Amino acid sequence: MILTNIESAPVIALSSGTGNVGSQIGISASGFLPTDTTCSFFSPSSSGVMTSAACVTVGGTWSGGFMVGNVLPGAYVIEATGNQGDFAQAILAVE
């Protein structure tokens, strides 16, 4: 008998890949470690692109969202990070 350990890499999905200043963006995330007790969403591209960010974690599945801050149009990296060091990224285009 061969045992195979299959692990899923963390991924995040934005409710919309584009948004305007002031729009609400939802985030769903999966594949994170079930031992993560806290999670956070932020943008390494710009600290101002996300306001009122919130994250809730339950057994490796996360949900939350943020409001698009007052930033110039462009592409911004959105990152989800768990307290065990696991993370995933997605791109948000601000119009």
Protein backbone atom coordinates (compact mmCIF):
# COMPACT_ATOMS: atom_id res chain seq x y z
CA MET A 1 0.00 0.00 0.00
CA ILE A 2 1.36 3.41 -0.99
CA LEU A 3 0.41 6.38 1.14
CA THR A 4 0.42 9.76 -0.50
CA ASN A 5 0.28 13.00 1.40
CA ILE A 6 -1.48 15.61 -0.72
CA GLU A 7 -1.37 19.18 0.47
CA SER A 8 -3.28 22.04 -1.04
CA ALA A 9 -1.49 25.36 -1.31
CA PRO A 10 -3.32 28.31 0.23
CA VAL A 11 -5.39 30.35 -2.23
CA ILE A 12 -7.53 33.46 -1.93
CA ALA A 13 -10.33 34.65 -4.15
CA LEU A 14 -11.62 38.21 -4.34
CA SER A 15 -15.34 38.78 -4.88
CA SER A 16 -14.29 41.11 -7.67
CA GLY A 17 -10.90 41.49 -9.30
CA THR A 18 -11.63 45.16 -9.92
CA GLY A 19 -12.94 47.93 -7.72
CA ASN A 20 -13.25 51.65 -7.31
CA VAL A 21 -12.31 53.76 -4.31
CA GLY A 22 -14.91 53.07 -1.63
CA SER A 23 -16.15 49.76 -3.04
CA GLN A 24 -16.45 46.71 -0.79
CA ILE A 25 -14.40 43.62 -1.74
CA GLY A 26 -15.06 40.21 -0.21
CA ILE A 27 -12.29 37.66 0.29
CA SER A 28 -12.59 33.90 0.65
CA ALA A 29 -9.56 31.75 1.37
CA SER A 30 -8.86 28.04 1.62
CA GLY A 31 -5.97 25.62 1.93
CA PHE A 32 -4.51 27.33 4.96
CA LEU A 33 -3.26 25.38 7.96
CA PRO A 34 -6.06 24.29 10.31
CA THR A 35 -3.76 25.31 13.19
CA ASP A 36 -3.96 28.99 12.19
CA THR A 37 -5.83 30.73 15.00
CA THR A 38 -5.66 34.21 13.47
CA CYS A 39 -5.51 35.61 9.98
CA SER A 40 -4.95 38.99 8.41
CA PHE A 41 -5.45 40.67 5.07
CA PHE A 42 -3.13 43.44 3.90
CA SER A 43 -1.49 44.85 0.79
CA PRO A 44 2.30 44.80 0.43
CA SER A 45 1.79 47.13 -2.58
CA SER A 46 0.23 50.00 -0.64
CA SER A 47 -0.88 50.37 2.96
CA GLY A 48 -3.71 52.65 1.79
CA VAL A 49 -5.48 50.30 -0.63
CA MET A 50 -7.36 48.44 2.13
CA THR A 51 -9.45 50.06 4.84
CA SER A 52 -11.61 48.32 7.42
CA ALA A 53 -10.09 44.91 6.62
CA ALA A 54 -11.55 42.01 8.58
CA CYS A 55 -10.68 38.31 8.61
CA VAL A 56 -12.26 35.29 10.32
CA THR A 57 -10.66 31.82 10.32
CA VAL A 58 -12.34 28.46 10.92
CA GLY A 59 -10.25 25.32 10.38
CA GLY A 60 -8.15 26.50 7.46
CA THR A 61 -10.99 28.31 5.67
CA TRP A 62 -11.09 32.07 5.95
CA SER A 63 -13.52 34.80 5.00
CA GLY A 64 -13.64 38.55 5.28
CA GLY A 65 -13.28 41.67 3.25
CA PHE A 66 -12.22 45.27 3.03
CA MET A 67 -13.14 48.62 1.53
CA VAL A 68 -10.92 50.02 -1.24
CA GLY A 69 -9.06 53.01 0.14
CA ASN A 70 -8.28 56.32 -1.52
CA VAL A 71 -5.50 55.19 -3.89
CA LEU A 72 -4.55 55.89 -7.49
CA PRO A 73 -5.80 53.53 -10.20
CA GLY A 74 -3.54 50.53 -10.73
CA ALA A 75 -2.86 46.93 -9.75
CA TYR A 76 -2.37 46.10 -6.07
CA VAL A 77 -1.31 42.86 -4.39
CA ILE A 78 -3.72 41.62 -1.71
CA GLU A 79 -2.22 39.12 0.74
CA ALA A 80 -3.77 36.81 3.32
CA THR A 81 -1.42 35.62 6.06
CA GLY A 82 -1.96 33.16 8.90
CA ASN A 83 -0.19 33.14 12.24
CA GLN A 84 1.64 29.93 11.22
CA GLY A 85 3.41 31.76 8.36
CA ASP A 86 1.27 30.48 5.49
CA PHE A 87 0.05 33.02 2.95
CA ALA A 88 -1.50 33.55 -0.46
CA GLN A 89 -1.84 36.53 -2.80
CA ALA A 90 -4.23 37.89 -5.40
CA ILE A 91 -4.28 41.03 -7.57
CA LEU A 92 -6.87 43.79 -7.26
CA ALA A 93 -7.20 46.30 -10.10
CA VAL A 94 -8.38 49.68 -8.82
CA GLU A 95 -10.11 51.70 -11.54
